[in-house]
Amino acid sequence: MPWRVNERAPTAGMKTTSYADNVVVLTAVRNAGADEALLANTEDELCEATSANVFVVVDDELLTPPLTSGCLPGVTRALVLASECGAEEADLDYEVLGEATEVFLTSSLRGIQPVRSIDGRDLGEVPGRRTAEATEAYAALLPGVG
């Protein structure tokens, strides 16, 4: 997508009442035949999806962009980071999506949602091992679920 998240905006990392930018991006993505967009910030670093946080697996490491990337501080993201799945924050060039072996999205509504493909590149078995581990560790933190 040609649009970027401005990690330096005064509202960066804040939930505001205006999701107009995200609606425009999501409409464009769906018109192109995709379900979701993974957005970069102005530094060409991976940031977030239009309505979710993003985690990637590279060299068996489970990583998510830090809040300084401009992503929202999602509750589910925080729980995955606090769980025992070994997820860590890392500055990630947007190109990391080309080498990621697993990708999943997190949000309060989605929980943990595995990504099947990125720009037509099949990510293999879904959920992958690290995604399944994160899902189990996240569920263990939820009362009455784990």
N, C-alpha and C. Protein backbone atom coordinates (compact mmCIF):
# COMPACT_ATOMS: atom_id res chain seq x y z
N MET A 1 0.84 -1.18 0.00
CA MET A 1 0.00 0.00 0.00
C MET A 1 0.89 1.24 0.00
N PRO A 2 0.48 2.25 -0.68
CA PRO A 2 1.28 3.46 -0.74
C PRO A 2 1.20 4.31 0.52
N TRP A 3 0.27 4.00 1.40
CA TRP A 3 0.06 4.81 2.61
C TRP A 3 0.91 4.28 3.76
N ARG A 4 1.29 5.17 4.66
CA ARG A 4 2.14 4.81 5.80
C ARG A 4 1.51 5.29 7.10
N VAL A 5 1.86 4.62 8.17
CA VAL A 5 1.47 5.05 9.51
C VAL A 5 2.52 6.07 9.95
N ASN A 6 2.07 7.22 10.42
CA ASN A 6 3.01 8.25 10.89
C ASN A 6 3.31 8.02 12.36
N GLU A 7 4.45 7.40 12.61
CA GLU A 7 4.83 7.08 14.00
C GLU A 7 5.19 8.33 14.80
N ARG A 8 5.30 9.47 14.13
CA ARG A 8 5.63 10.71 14.83
C ARG A 8 4.41 11.61 15.03
N ALA A 9 3.25 11.17 14.59
CA ALA A 9 2.03 11.97 14.74
C ALA A 9 1.71 12.16 16.22
N PRO A 10 1.08 13.26 16.58
CA PRO A 10 0.75 13.47 17.99
C PRO A 10 -0.21 12.42 18.54
N THR A 11 -0.95 11.76 17.66
CA THR A 11 -1.88 10.73 18.10
C THR A 11 -1.34 9.31 17.88
N ALA A 12 -0.07 9.18 17.53
CA ALA A 12 0.51 7.85 17.30
C ALA A 12 0.35 7.00 18.56
N GLY A 13 -0.09 5.76 18.35
CA GLY A 13 -0.27 4.85 19.47
C GLY A 13 -1.52 5.07 20.29
N MET A 14 -2.39 5.99 19.85
CA MET A 14 -3.61 6.28 20.58
C MET A 14 -4.81 5.83 19.77
N LYS A 15 -5.79 5.24 20.44
CA LYS A 15 -7.05 4.95 19.77
C LYS A 15 -7.84 6.24 19.74
N THR A 16 -8.18 6.68 18.55
CA THR A 16 -8.98 7.88 18.41
C THR A 16 -10.32 7.50 17.80
N THR A 17 -11.21 8.44 17.71
CA THR A 17 -12.52 8.14 17.13
C THR A 17 -12.49 8.13 15.61
N SER A 18 -11.39 8.53 15.00
CA SER A 18 -11.30 8.55 13.54
C SER A 18 -10.48 7.38 13.03
N TYR A 19 -11.16 6.47 12.35
CA TYR A 19 -10.49 5.36 11.68
C TYR A 19 -10.56 5.54 10.17
N ALA A 20 -10.76 6.79 9.72
CA ALA A 20 -10.96 7.06 8.31
C ALA A 20 -9.80 6.54 7.46
N ASP A 21 -8.56 6.78 7.88
CA ASP A 21 -7.41 6.30 7.11
C ASP A 21 -7.46 4.79 6.96
N ASN A 22 -7.74 4.10 8.05
CA ASN A 22 -7.77 2.63 8.02
C ASN A 22 -8.91 2.11 7.15
N VAL A 23 -10.05 2.79 7.14
CA VAL A 23 -11.17 2.38 6.31
C VAL A 23 -10.82 2.53 4.84
N VAL A 24 -10.16 3.62 4.48
CA VAL A 24 -9.73 3.84 3.09
C VAL A 24 -8.76 2.74 2.66
N VAL A 25 -7.78 2.44 3.51
CA VAL A 25 -6.80 1.40 3.19
C VAL A 25 -7.49 0.04 3.08
N LEU A 26 -8.34 -0.29 4.01
CA LEU A 26 -9.02 -1.59 3.99
C LEU A 26 -9.91 -1.72 2.76
N THR A 27 -10.58 -0.67 2.36
CA THR A 27 -11.40 -0.70 1.15
C THR A 27 -10.53 -0.97 -0.08
N ALA A 28 -9.40 -0.29 -0.18
CA ALA A 28 -8.49 -0.51 -1.30
C ALA A 28 -7.97 -1.94 -1.34
N VAL A 29 -7.63 -2.46 -0.18
CA VAL A 29 -7.12 -3.83 -0.09
C VAL A 29 -8.18 -4.83 -0.51
N ARG A 30 -9.36 -4.65 -0.03
CA ARG A 30 -10.45 -5.59 -0.37
C ARG A 30 -10.80 -5.49 -1.86
N ASN A 31 -10.74 -4.29 -2.43
CA ASN A 31 -10.97 -4.14 -3.87
C ASN A 31 -9.89 -4.85 -4.68
N ALA A 32 -8.71 -5.02 -4.09
CA ALA A 32 -7.61 -5.73 -4.75
C ALA A 32 -7.67 -7.24 -4.49
N GLY A 33 -8.66 -7.69 -3.72
CA GLY A 33 -8.84 -9.11 -3.49
C GLY A 33 -8.19 -9.67 -2.24
N ALA A 34 -7.71 -8.80 -1.36
CA ALA A 34 -7.08 -9.25 -0.11
C ALA A 34 -8.03 -9.00 1.05
N ASP A 35 -7.72 -9.60 2.19
CA ASP A 35 -8.55 -9.44 3.38
C ASP A 35 -8.07 -8.34 4.32
N GLU A 36 -6.76 -8.06 4.32
CA GLU A 36 -6.18 -7.15 5.30
C GLU A 36 -4.91 -6.54 4.70
N ALA A 37 -4.51 -5.40 5.25
CA ALA A 37 -3.26 -4.74 4.84
C ALA A 37 -2.30 -4.75 6.01
N LEU A 38 -1.04 -5.02 5.73
CA LEU A 38 0.02 -4.88 6.72
C LEU A 38 0.76 -3.60 6.37
N LEU A 39 0.78 -2.67 7.30
CA LEU A 39 1.24 -1.32 7.04
C LEU A 39 2.65 -1.06 7.54
N ALA A 40 3.36 -0.26 6.78
CA ALA A 40 4.67 0.24 7.20
C ALA A 40 4.49 1.62 7.81
N ASN A 41 5.50 2.06 8.55
CA ASN A 41 5.50 3.44 9.04
C ASN A 41 6.34 4.29 8.08
N THR A 42 6.60 5.52 8.43
CA THR A 42 7.35 6.42 7.53
C THR A 42 8.82 6.03 7.39
N GLU A 43 9.30 5.14 8.25
CA GLU A 43 10.69 4.66 8.19
C GLU A 43 10.79 3.32 7.44
N ASP A 44 9.69 2.92 6.77
CA ASP A 44 9.60 1.63 6.07
C ASP A 44 9.83 0.45 7.01
N GLU A 45 9.35 0.60 8.23
CA GLU A 45 9.37 -0.49 9.21
C GLU A 45 7.96 -1.06 9.31
N LEU A 46 7.87 -2.36 9.57
CA LEU A 46 6.58 -2.98 9.79
C LEU A 46 5.93 -2.33 11.01
N CYS A 47 4.63 -2.04 10.89
CA CYS A 47 3.94 -1.34 11.99
C CYS A 47 2.76 -2.16 12.51
N GLU A 48 1.70 -2.28 11.71
CA GLU A 48 0.49 -2.94 12.16
C GLU A 48 -0.41 -3.23 10.97
N ALA A 49 -1.54 -3.86 11.22
CA ALA A 49 -2.59 -4.04 10.22
C ALA A 49 -3.60 -2.91 10.41
N THR A 50 -4.63 -2.87 9.58
CA THR A 50 -5.59 -1.77 9.70
C THR A 50 -6.38 -1.81 11.00
N SER A 51 -6.58 -3.02 11.55
CA SER A 51 -7.34 -3.10 12.81
C SER A 51 -6.78 -4.19 13.72
N ALA A 52 -5.46 -4.40 13.64
CA ALA A 52 -4.84 -5.44 14.46
C ALA A 52 -3.34 -5.19 14.56
N ASN A 53 -2.74 -5.80 15.55
CA ASN A 53 -1.28 -5.82 15.65
C ASN A 53 -0.77 -7.02 14.88
N VAL A 54 0.53 -7.00 14.57
CA VAL A 54 1.10 -8.07 13.74
C VAL A 54 2.33 -8.68 14.44
N PHE A 55 2.44 -9.99 14.33
CA PHE A 55 3.59 -10.75 14.81
C PHE A 55 4.14 -11.54 13.63
N VAL A 56 5.46 -11.70 13.58
CA VAL A 56 6.10 -12.49 12.53
C VAL A 56 7.07 -13.48 13.16
N VAL A 57 7.31 -14.57 12.45
CA VAL A 57 8.32 -15.54 12.85
C VAL A 57 9.41 -15.52 11.81
N VAL A 58 10.63 -15.20 12.26
CA VAL A 58 11.81 -15.18 11.40
C VAL A 58 12.91 -15.93 12.12
N ASP A 59 13.49 -16.92 11.45
CA ASP A 59 14.53 -17.75 12.07
C ASP A 59 14.06 -18.29 13.42
N ASP A 60 12.82 -18.71 13.47
CA ASP A 60 12.16 -19.29 14.65
C ASP A 60 11.97 -18.31 15.80
N GLU A 61 12.25 -17.03 15.58
CA GLU A 61 12.00 -16.01 16.60
C GLU A 61 10.64 -15.38 16.36
N LEU A 62 9.86 -15.22 17.43
CA LEU A 62 8.55 -14.59 17.36
C LEU A 62 8.69 -13.12 17.71
N LEU A 63 8.40 -12.25 16.74
CA LEU A 63 8.68 -10.82 16.89
C LEU A 63 7.46 -9.98 16.54
N THR A 64 7.38 -8.81 17.18
CA THR A 64 6.35 -7.83 16.87
C THR A 64 6.97 -6.44 16.92
N PRO A 65 6.49 -5.51 16.11
CA PRO A 65 7.03 -4.16 16.16
C PRO A 65 6.84 -3.52 17.55
N PRO A 66 7.78 -2.69 17.97
CA PRO A 66 7.63 -1.98 19.25
C PRO A 66 6.61 -0.85 19.11
N LEU A 67 6.14 -0.35 20.22
CA LEU A 67 5.18 0.76 20.19
C LEU A 67 5.76 1.99 19.51
N THR A 68 7.08 2.15 19.52
CA THR A 68 7.70 3.30 18.85
C THR A 68 7.52 3.26 17.34
N SER A 69 7.05 2.12 16.80
CA SER A 69 6.79 2.02 15.36
C SER A 69 5.53 2.80 14.98
N GLY A 70 4.72 3.14 15.98
CA GLY A 70 3.46 3.83 15.73
C GLY A 70 2.25 2.93 15.86
N CYS A 71 2.46 1.66 16.15
CA CYS A 71 1.32 0.74 16.30
C CYS A 71 0.56 1.03 17.58
N LEU A 72 -0.68 0.60 17.58
CA LEU A 72 -1.50 0.76 18.78
C LEU A 72 -1.07 -0.26 19.83
N PRO A 73 -1.15 0.12 21.10
CA PRO A 73 -0.79 -0.81 22.18
C PRO A 73 -1.95 -1.75 22.49
N GLY A 74 -2.18 -2.71 21.61
CA GLY A 74 -3.31 -3.61 21.75
C GLY A 74 -3.24 -4.47 23.01
N VAL A 75 -4.40 -4.75 23.57
CA VAL A 75 -4.50 -5.58 24.76
C VAL A 75 -4.03 -7.01 24.46
N THR A 76 -4.48 -7.57 23.35
CA THR A 76 -4.10 -8.93 22.99
C THR A 76 -2.60 -8.99 22.69
N ARG A 77 -2.08 -7.98 22.02
CA ARG A 77 -0.63 -7.89 21.77
C ARG A 77 0.13 -7.95 23.09
N ALA A 78 -0.31 -7.15 24.05
CA ALA A 78 0.35 -7.11 25.36
C ALA A 78 0.28 -8.47 26.06
N LEU A 79 -0.85 -9.14 25.95
CA LEU A 79 -0.98 -10.46 26.59
C LEU A 79 -0.07 -11.48 25.93
N VAL A 80 0.04 -11.45 24.61
CA VAL A 80 0.96 -12.37 23.93
C VAL A 80 2.39 -12.09 24.38
N LEU A 81 2.77 -10.83 24.46
CA LEU A 81 4.12 -10.48 24.92
C LEU A 81 4.35 -10.91 26.37
N ALA A 82 3.30 -10.86 27.19
CA ALA A 82 3.42 -11.24 28.61
C ALA A 82 3.35 -12.74 28.82
N SER A 83 2.90 -13.46 27.81
CA SER A 83 2.73 -14.91 27.95
C SER A 83 4.10 -15.60 27.88
N GLU A 84 4.06 -16.91 27.98
CA GLU A 84 5.29 -17.69 27.99
C GLU A 84 5.67 -18.22 26.61
N CYS A 85 5.24 -17.54 25.54
CA CYS A 85 5.54 -18.02 24.20
C CYS A 85 6.87 -17.49 23.66
N GLY A 86 7.50 -16.57 24.38
CA GLY A 86 8.80 -16.07 23.96
C GLY A 86 8.77 -14.97 22.92
N ALA A 87 7.63 -14.30 22.76
CA ALA A 87 7.54 -13.19 21.80
C ALA A 87 8.33 -11.99 22.31
N GLU A 88 8.94 -11.28 21.38
CA GLU A 88 9.73 -10.09 21.72
C GLU A 88 9.44 -8.96 20.75
N GLU A 89 9.63 -7.74 21.22
CA GLU A 89 9.54 -6.56 20.35
C GLU A 89 10.86 -6.40 19.61
N ALA A 90 10.77 -5.93 18.35
CA ALA A 90 11.97 -5.67 17.57
C ALA A 90 11.62 -4.70 16.45
N ASP A 91 12.55 -3.79 16.15
CA ASP A 91 12.39 -2.96 14.97
C ASP A 91 12.53 -3.88 13.77
N LEU A 92 11.55 -3.83 12.87
CA LEU A 92 11.51 -4.76 11.75
C LEU A 92 11.34 -4.01 10.44
N ASP A 93 12.29 -4.15 9.53
CA ASP A 93 12.11 -3.58 8.20
C ASP A 93 10.88 -4.21 7.57
N TYR A 94 10.16 -3.44 6.77
CA TYR A 94 8.94 -3.96 6.15
C TYR A 94 9.23 -5.21 5.32
N GLU A 95 10.43 -5.29 4.76
CA GLU A 95 10.81 -6.44 3.94
C GLU A 95 10.83 -7.75 4.72
N VAL A 96 10.76 -7.69 6.06
CA VAL A 96 10.73 -8.90 6.87
C VAL A 96 9.57 -9.81 6.45
N LEU A 97 8.53 -9.22 5.88
CA LEU A 97 7.38 -10.02 5.46
C LEU A 97 7.75 -11.00 4.36
N GLY A 98 8.81 -10.71 3.60
CA GLY A 98 9.26 -11.61 2.56
C GLY A 98 10.01 -12.81 3.08
N GLU A 99 10.53 -12.72 4.30
CA GLU A 99 11.28 -13.84 4.87
C GLU A 99 10.56 -14.52 6.04
N ALA A 100 9.46 -13.95 6.48
CA ALA A 100 8.70 -14.53 7.60
C ALA A 100 8.13 -15.89 7.20
N THR A 101 8.28 -16.85 8.11
CA THR A 101 7.72 -18.18 7.86
C THR A 101 6.33 -18.33 8.47
N GLU A 102 6.00 -17.47 9.41
CA GLU A 102 4.66 -17.41 10.00
C GLU A 102 4.35 -15.96 10.28
N VAL A 103 3.08 -15.61 10.17
CA VAL A 103 2.59 -14.27 10.50
C VAL A 103 1.22 -14.46 11.15
N PHE A 104 0.97 -13.71 12.22
CA PHE A 104 -0.39 -13.70 12.76
C PHE A 104 -0.73 -12.30 13.24
N LEU A 105 -2.04 -12.06 13.29
CA LEU A 105 -2.58 -10.78 13.74
C LEU A 105 -3.21 -10.98 15.11
N THR A 106 -3.22 -9.93 15.91
CA THR A 106 -3.87 -9.98 17.21
C THR A 106 -4.77 -8.77 17.39
N SER A 107 -5.92 -9.02 17.98
CA SER A 107 -6.82 -7.94 18.40
C SER A 107 -7.80 -8.54 19.40
N SER A 108 -8.47 -7.68 20.12
CA SER A 108 -9.44 -8.16 21.10
C SER A 108 -10.57 -8.92 20.44
N LEU A 109 -10.94 -8.54 19.23
CA LEU A 109 -12.02 -9.23 18.53
C LEU A 109 -11.55 -10.51 17.83
N ARG A 110 -10.34 -10.49 17.30
CA ARG A 110 -9.82 -11.64 16.55
C ARG A 110 -9.10 -12.65 17.43
N GLY A 111 -8.64 -12.22 18.58
CA GLY A 111 -7.73 -13.07 19.35
C GLY A 111 -6.43 -13.18 18.56
N ILE A 112 -6.00 -14.40 18.28
CA ILE A 112 -4.82 -14.64 17.43
C ILE A 112 -5.32 -15.23 16.13
N GLN A 113 -5.05 -14.53 15.02
CA GLN A 113 -5.52 -14.96 13.71
C GLN A 113 -4.33 -15.21 12.79
N PRO A 114 -4.09 -16.47 12.43
CA PRO A 114 -2.97 -16.78 11.52
C PRO A 114 -3.20 -16.17 10.13
N VAL A 115 -2.12 -15.78 9.49
CA VAL A 115 -2.15 -15.27 8.12
C VAL A 115 -1.75 -16.42 7.20
N ARG A 116 -2.54 -16.65 6.16
CA ARG A 116 -2.28 -17.76 5.24
C ARG A 116 -1.30 -17.40 4.12
N SER A 117 -1.38 -16.16 3.64
CA SER A 117 -0.50 -15.76 2.55
C SER A 117 -0.28 -14.25 2.59
N ILE A 118 0.83 -13.84 2.02
CA ILE A 118 1.16 -12.42 1.91
C ILE A 118 1.52 -12.16 0.46
N ASP A 119 0.77 -11.27 -0.18
CA ASP A 119 0.98 -10.93 -1.58
C ASP A 119 1.11 -12.18 -2.46
N GLY A 120 0.28 -13.18 -2.18
CA GLY A 120 0.27 -14.40 -2.97
C GLY A 120 1.28 -15.45 -2.55
N ARG A 121 2.15 -15.13 -1.59
CA ARG A 121 3.13 -16.11 -1.10
C ARG A 121 2.49 -16.92 0.01
N ASP A 122 2.32 -18.22 -0.23
CA ASP A 122 1.72 -19.12 0.74
C ASP A 122 2.67 -19.31 1.92
N LEU A 123 2.15 -19.18 3.13
CA LEU A 123 2.98 -19.33 4.32
C LEU A 123 3.00 -20.75 4.88
N GLY A 124 2.42 -21.69 4.13
CA GLY A 124 2.47 -23.09 4.57
C GLY A 124 1.38 -23.43 5.55
N GLU A 125 1.67 -24.43 6.36
CA GLU A 125 0.70 -24.93 7.33
C GLU A 125 0.26 -23.82 8.28
N VAL A 126 -1.06 -23.69 8.43
CA VAL A 126 -1.63 -22.66 9.30
C VAL A 126 -2.53 -23.34 10.32
N PRO A 127 -2.34 -23.13 11.60
CA PRO A 127 -1.29 -22.29 12.17
C PRO A 127 0.04 -23.04 12.19
N GLY A 128 1.10 -22.26 12.08
CA GLY A 128 2.44 -22.80 12.23
C GLY A 128 2.74 -23.10 13.70
N ARG A 129 3.87 -23.73 13.93
CA ARG A 129 4.25 -24.15 15.29
C ARG A 129 4.29 -22.98 16.26
N ARG A 130 4.96 -21.88 15.90
CA ARG A 130 5.09 -20.75 16.83
C ARG A 130 3.75 -20.05 17.04
N THR A 131 2.92 -20.00 16.00
CA THR A 131 1.59 -19.42 16.15
C THR A 131 0.75 -20.26 17.10
N ALA A 132 0.83 -21.57 16.97
CA ALA A 132 0.10 -22.47 17.86
C ALA A 132 0.58 -22.31 19.30
N GLU A 133 1.89 -22.17 19.49
CA GLU A 133 2.44 -21.96 20.83
C GLU A 133 1.92 -20.65 21.43
N ALA A 134 1.91 -19.59 20.62
CA ALA A 134 1.43 -18.30 21.10
C ALA A 134 -0.05 -18.37 21.45
N THR A 135 -0.83 -19.08 20.63
CA THR A 135 -2.26 -19.23 20.89
C THR A 135 -2.49 -19.95 22.21
N GLU A 136 -1.74 -21.01 22.45
CA GLU A 136 -1.87 -21.77 23.69
C GLU A 136 -1.45 -20.93 24.90
N ALA A 137 -0.34 -20.22 24.78
CA ALA A 137 0.16 -19.39 25.89
C ALA A 137 -0.80 -18.24 26.18
N TYR A 138 -1.37 -17.65 25.13
CA TYR A 138 -2.35 -16.57 25.29
C TYR A 138 -3.60 -17.10 25.99
N ALA A 139 -4.10 -18.25 25.55
CA ALA A 139 -5.30 -18.84 26.14
C ALA A 139 -5.10 -19.15 27.63
N ALA A 140 -3.87 -19.52 28.00
CA ALA A 140 -3.58 -19.84 29.40
C ALA A 140 -3.72 -18.62 30.30
N LEU A 141 -3.64 -17.42 29.73
CA LEU A 141 -3.77 -16.19 30.52
C LEU A 141 -5.22 -15.74 30.68
N LEU A 142 -6.13 -16.35 29.92
CA LEU A 142 -7.53 -15.93 29.95
C LEU A 142 -8.31 -16.77 30.95
N PRO A 143 -9.00 -16.13 31.87
CA PRO A 143 -9.78 -16.88 32.87
C PRO A 143 -10.84 -17.75 32.19
N GLY A 144 -10.88 -19.01 32.59
CA GLY A 144 -11.90 -19.91 32.08
C GLY A 144 -11.63 -20.46 30.70
N VAL A 145 -10.49 -20.09 30.08
CA VAL A 145 -10.20 -20.55 28.73
C VAL A 145 -9.03 -21.53 28.74
N GLY A 146 -7.94 -21.18 29.45
CA GLY A 146 -6.70 -21.95 29.41
C GLY A 146 -6.72 -23.18 30.14
